[in-house]
Amino acid sequence: MNEKKPKLLVAALENGTVIDHIPCDKVFTVATLLGLQDSDSKITIGNNLNSEKLGKKGLIKVADRFFTDEEISRLSVVAPSVKLNIIRHYEVVEKKQVEMPEELREIVKCANPKCITNNEPMPTIFHRVDKARRTYKCHYCEKEQNLDNMTLL
């Protein structure tokens, strides 16, 4: 009896990071947030892949690159359910869940048109107020905003 193994849709990664469970409409936003368009690493992007948990999902594999906690936390802005798998010698050695950071720097825009960050060349800074409600407060004008409604810079 000759059993056929299902083919991998995406090649195995020897060393690097797999960013998994990305909502399909956020795959390219995640790639941009991580600056992958400027990377010399081999990158595989899969979108609309079948997922038992999500129905459809996106996936990004980045060879020979391991992201910092700060880079990973940036993803919470657009894809809070993302999971990262750290691969070494074709084996998953660590799994990470994206966490909402205490502070967001130069990632999102303040919704207050009178905020100094919208009128002067200044970096935006937001401090987390309520993790469960995904609420942040602008460092300068103190306007509270929900992460789901914030605009990326």
C-alpha atoms as a PDB file:
ATOM      1  CA  MET A   1       0.000   0.000   0.000  1.00  0.00           C
ATOM      2  CA  ASN A   2       1.430   3.303  -1.075  1.00  0.00           C
ATOM      3  CA  GLU A   3       0.229   6.135   1.179  1.00  0.00           C
ATOM      4  CA  LYS A   4       0.606   9.589  -0.235  1.00  0.00           C
ATOM      5  CA  LYS A   5       1.863  12.217   2.155  1.00  0.00           C
ATOM      6  CA  PRO A   6       0.292  15.629   1.799  1.00  0.00           C
ATOM      7  CA  LYS A   7       2.699  18.094   0.220  1.00  0.00           C
ATOM      8  CA  LEU A   8       3.825  21.085   2.207  1.00  0.00           C
ATOM      9  CA  LEU A   9       2.353  24.283   0.844  1.00  0.00           C
ATOM     10  CA  VAL A  10       5.397  26.204   2.067  1.00  0.00           C
ATOM     11  CA  ALA A  11       8.969  24.894   2.270  1.00  0.00           C
ATOM     12  CA  ALA A  12      10.406  23.995   5.677  1.00  0.00           C
ATOM     13  CA  LEU A  13      12.590  26.604   7.358  1.00  0.00           C
ATOM     14  CA  GLU A  14      16.023  25.624   8.658  1.00  0.00           C
ATOM     15  CA  ASN A  15      16.533  28.678  10.891  1.00  0.00           C
ATOM     16  CA  GLY A  16      14.381  31.748  11.367  1.00  0.00           C
ATOM     17  CA  THR A  17      10.922  32.851  12.399  1.00  0.00           C
ATOM     18  CA  VAL A  18       7.469  31.762  11.310  1.00  0.00           C
ATOM     19  CA  ILE A  19       4.740  34.324  11.922  1.00  0.00           C
ATOM     20  CA  ASP A  20       1.513  32.340  11.997  1.00  0.00           C
ATOM     21  CA  HIS A  21      -2.226  32.936  12.439  1.00  0.00           C
ATOM     22  CA  ILE A  22      -2.174  36.301  10.691  1.00  0.00           C
ATOM     23  CA  PRO A  23      -5.614  37.516   9.602  1.00  0.00           C
ATOM     24  CA  CYS A  24      -5.664  37.344   5.790  1.00  0.00           C
ATOM     25  CA  ASP A  25      -6.331  41.059   5.406  1.00  0.00           C
ATOM     26  CA  LYS A  26      -3.317  41.931   7.599  1.00  0.00           C
ATOM     27  CA  VAL A  27      -0.534  39.801   6.050  1.00  0.00           C
ATOM     28  CA  PHE A  28       1.064  42.599   4.040  1.00  0.00           C
ATOM     29  CA  THR A  29       0.584  45.127   6.855  1.00  0.00           C
ATOM     30  CA  VAL A  30       2.529  42.780   9.167  1.00  0.00           C
ATOM     31  CA  ALA A  31       5.284  42.489   6.547  1.00  0.00           C
ATOM     32  CA  THR A  32       5.469  46.278   6.301  1.00  0.00           C
ATOM     33  CA  LEU A  33       5.468  46.808  10.090  1.00  0.00           C
ATOM     34  CA  LEU A  34       8.461  44.475  10.344  1.00  0.00           C
ATOM     35  CA  GLY A  35      10.254  46.188   7.450  1.00  0.00           C
ATOM     36  CA  LEU A  36      10.464  42.957   5.473  1.00  0.00           C
ATOM     37  CA  GLN A  37      10.391  44.806   2.142  1.00  0.00           C
ATOM     38  CA  ASP A  38      13.944  46.012   2.923  1.00  0.00           C
ATOM     39  CA  SER A  39      15.214  42.654   4.190  1.00  0.00           C
ATOM     40  CA  ASP A  40      17.913  40.540   2.556  1.00  0.00           C
ATOM     41  CA  SER A  41      16.450  37.408   4.174  1.00  0.00           C
ATOM     42  CA  LYS A  42      14.556  34.791   2.215  1.00  0.00           C
ATOM     43  CA  ILE A  43      10.882  35.440   2.880  1.00  0.00           C
ATOM     44  CA  THR A  44       7.894  33.249   2.123  1.00  0.00           C
ATOM     45  CA  ILE A  45       4.441  34.783   2.378  1.00  0.00           C
ATOM     46  CA  GLY A  46       1.340  32.621   2.312  1.00  0.00           C
ATOM     47  CA  ASN A  47      -2.169  34.011   2.359  1.00  0.00           C
ATOM     48  CA  ASN A  48      -5.642  32.460   2.418  1.00  0.00           C
ATOM     49  CA  LEU A  49      -4.175  29.200   3.696  1.00  0.00           C
ATOM     50  CA  ASN A  50      -6.570  26.707   5.260  1.00  0.00           C
ATOM     51  CA  SER A  51      -6.688  26.756   9.048  1.00  0.00           C
ATOM     52  CA  GLU A  52      -8.728  24.510  11.319  1.00  0.00           C
ATOM     53  CA  LYS A  53      -8.966  27.272  13.940  1.00  0.00           C
ATOM     54  CA  LEU A  54      -9.433  30.342  11.749  1.00  0.00           C
ATOM     55  CA  GLY A  55     -10.857  28.977   8.504  1.00  0.00           C
ATOM     56  CA  LYS A  56      -8.304  31.003   6.501  1.00  0.00           C
ATOM     57  CA  LYS A  57      -5.040  32.540   7.669  1.00  0.00           C
ATOM     58  CA  GLY A  58      -1.834  34.166   6.572  1.00  0.00           C
ATOM     59  CA  LEU A  59       1.704  33.032   7.280  1.00  0.00           C
ATOM     60  CA  ILE A  60       5.131  34.637   6.871  1.00  0.00           C
ATOM     61  CA  LYS A  61       8.396  32.701   7.078  1.00  0.00           C
ATOM     62  CA  VAL A  62      11.606  34.683   7.430  1.00  0.00           C
ATOM     63  CA  ALA A  63      14.873  32.766   7.078  1.00  0.00           C
ATOM     64  CA  ASP A  64      17.754  33.497   9.432  1.00  0.00           C
ATOM     65  CA  ARG A  65      15.984  36.341  11.219  1.00  0.00           C
ATOM     66  CA  PHE A  66      14.825  36.506  14.824  1.00  0.00           C
ATOM     67  CA  PHE A  67      12.711  39.463  15.865  1.00  0.00           C
ATOM     68  CA  THR A  68      13.125  41.517  19.040  1.00  0.00           C
ATOM     69  CA  ASP A  69      10.342  41.718  21.619  1.00  0.00           C
ATOM     70  CA  GLU A  70       9.793  45.332  20.523  1.00  0.00           C
ATOM     71  CA  GLU A  71       9.318  44.300  16.892  1.00  0.00           C
ATOM     72  CA  ILE A  72       6.943  41.546  17.942  1.00  0.00           C
ATOM     73  CA  SER A  73       4.890  43.855  20.166  1.00  0.00           C
ATOM     74  CA  ARG A  74       4.335  46.200  17.204  1.00  0.00           C
ATOM     75  CA  LEU A  75       2.277  43.447  15.610  1.00  0.00           C
ATOM     76  CA  SER A  76      -0.361  43.713  18.352  1.00  0.00           C
ATOM     77  CA  VAL A  77      -1.553  46.905  16.682  1.00  0.00           C
ATOM     78  CA  VAL A  78      -2.813  45.054  13.604  1.00  0.00           C
ATOM     79  CA  ALA A  79      -2.818  41.363  14.479  1.00  0.00           C
ATOM     80  CA  PRO A  80      -3.223  40.625  18.202  1.00  0.00           C
ATOM     81  CA  SER A  81      -3.685  36.863  17.700  1.00  0.00           C
ATOM     82  CA  VAL A  82      -0.395  36.303  15.869  1.00  0.00           C
ATOM     83  CA  LYS A  83       1.875  33.515  17.055  1.00  0.00           C
ATOM     84  CA  LEU A  84       5.595  33.278  16.344  1.00  0.00           C
ATOM     85  CA  ASN A  85       7.572  30.073  16.079  1.00  0.00           C
ATOM     86  CA  ILE A  86      11.331  30.285  16.426  1.00  0.00           C
ATOM     87  CA  ILE A  87      12.991  27.633  14.252  1.00  0.00           C
ATOM     88  CA  ARG A  88      16.508  26.254  14.662  1.00  0.00           C
ATOM     89  CA  HIS A  89      17.732  23.273  12.638  1.00  0.00           C
ATOM     90  CA  TYR A  90      14.197  22.656  11.284  1.00  0.00           C
ATOM     91  CA  GLU A  91      12.750  22.342  14.814  1.00  0.00           C
ATOM     92  CA  VAL A  92      10.468  24.716  16.717  1.00  0.00           C
ATOM     93  CA  VAL A  93      12.534  25.722  19.753  1.00  0.00           C
ATOM     94  CA  GLU A  94      10.288  28.495  21.062  1.00  0.00           C
ATOM     95  CA  LYS A  95       6.750  29.778  20.617  1.00  0.00           C
ATOM     96  CA  LYS A  96       5.775  33.368  21.323  1.00  0.00           C
ATOM     97  CA  GLN A  97       2.389  35.037  21.546  1.00  0.00           C
ATOM     98  CA  VAL A  98       2.125  38.696  20.580  1.00  0.00           C
ATOM     99  CA  GLU A  99       1.587  40.880  23.643  1.00  0.00           C
ATOM    100  CA  MET A 100       0.213  44.408  23.791  1.00  0.00           C
ATOM    101  CA  PRO A 101       3.128  46.652  24.752  1.00  0.00           C
ATOM    102  CA  GLU A 102       2.981  49.159  27.601  1.00  0.00           C
ATOM    103  CA  GLU A 103       4.040  51.853  25.158  1.00  0.00           C
ATOM    104  CA  LEU A 104       3.656  52.454  21.424  1.00  0.00           C
ATOM    105  CA  ARG A 105       6.291  54.684  19.831  1.00  0.00           C
ATOM    106  CA  GLU A 106       6.021  55.983  16.282  1.00  0.00           C
ATOM    107  CA  ILE A 107       3.589  53.251  15.220  1.00  0.00           C
ATOM    108  CA  VAL A 108       0.174  54.909  15.298  1.00  0.00           C
ATOM    109  CA  LYS A 109      -1.211  58.384  14.761  1.00  0.00           C
ATOM    110  CA  CYS A 110      -3.081  60.414  17.360  1.00  0.00           C
ATOM    111  CA  ALA A 111      -6.742  60.920  16.440  1.00  0.00           C
ATOM    112  CA  ASN A 112      -6.813  64.393  18.000  1.00  0.00           C
ATOM    113  CA  PRO A 113      -6.278  66.900  15.160  1.00  0.00           C
ATOM    114  CA  LYS A 114      -5.059  69.479  17.702  1.00  0.00           C
ATOM    115  CA  CYS A 115      -2.407  67.146  19.139  1.00  0.00           C
ATOM    116  CA  ILE A 116       1.109  68.502  18.745  1.00  0.00           C
ATOM    117  CA  THR A 117       2.158  65.302  16.945  1.00  0.00           C
ATOM    118  CA  ASN A 118      -0.233  66.201  14.121  1.00  0.00           C
ATOM    119  CA  ASN A 119       1.082  69.754  13.858  1.00  0.00           C
ATOM    120  CA  GLU A 120       4.804  69.502  14.600  1.00  0.00           C
ATOM    121  CA  PRO A 121       7.431  66.942  13.553  1.00  0.00           C
ATOM    122  CA  MET A 122       7.369  64.869  16.753  1.00  0.00           C
ATOM    123  CA  PRO A 123       7.305  61.136  17.423  1.00  0.00           C
ATOM    124  CA  THR A 124       3.996  59.765  18.642  1.00  0.00           C
ATOM    125  CA  ILE A 125       3.988  58.056  22.021  1.00  0.00           C
ATOM    126  CA  PHE A 126       1.054  56.215  23.567  1.00  0.00           C
ATOM    127  CA  HIS A 127       0.775  54.572  26.981  1.00  0.00           C
ATOM    128  CA  ARG A 128      -1.448  51.564  27.580  1.00  0.00           C
ATOM    129  CA  VAL A 129      -4.427  52.362  29.818  1.00  0.00           C
ATOM    130  CA  ASP A 130      -6.568  49.217  29.664  1.00  0.00           C
ATOM    131  CA  LYS A 131      -5.264  45.957  28.218  1.00  0.00           C
ATOM    132  CA  ALA A 132      -8.663  44.221  28.086  1.00  0.00           C
ATOM    133  CA  ARG A 133     -10.284  47.114  26.222  1.00  0.00           C
ATOM    134  CA  ARG A 134      -7.120  47.704  24.100  1.00  0.00           C
ATOM    135  CA  THR A 135      -7.027  51.372  25.109  1.00  0.00           C
ATOM    136  CA  TYR A 136      -4.033  53.712  24.870  1.00  0.00           C
ATOM    137  CA  LYS A 137      -3.550  57.355  25.879  1.00  0.00           C
ATOM    138  CA  CYS A 138      -1.546  59.890  23.893  1.00  0.00           C
ATOM    139  CA  HIS A 139       1.522  61.048  25.830  1.00  0.00           C
ATOM    140  CA  TYR A 140       1.034  64.661  24.729  1.00  0.00           C
ATOM    141  CA  CYS A 141      -2.700  65.440  24.537  1.00  0.00           C
ATOM    142  CA  GLU A 142      -3.862  62.561  26.767  1.00  0.00           C
ATOM    143  CA  LYS A 143      -6.648  61.550  24.382  1.00  0.00           C
ATOM    144  CA  GLU A 144      -7.632  57.927  25.004  1.00  0.00           C
ATOM    145  CA  GLN A 145      -8.042  55.782  21.915  1.00  0.00           C
ATOM    146  CA  ASN A 146      -8.948  52.206  21.171  1.00  0.00           C
ATOM    147  CA  LEU A 147      -6.210  50.290  19.390  1.00  0.00           C
ATOM    148  CA  ASP A 148      -8.700  48.839  16.912  1.00  0.00           C
ATOM    149  CA  ASN A 149      -9.544  52.347  15.652  1.00  0.00           C
ATOM    150  CA  MET A 150      -6.024  53.783  15.533  1.00  0.00           C
ATOM    151  CA  THR A 151      -4.333  54.640  12.238  1.00  0.00           C
ATOM    152  CA  LEU A 152      -0.866  53.305  11.466  1.00  0.00           C
ATOM    153  CA  LEU A 153       1.830  55.818  10.564  1.00  0.00           C
END
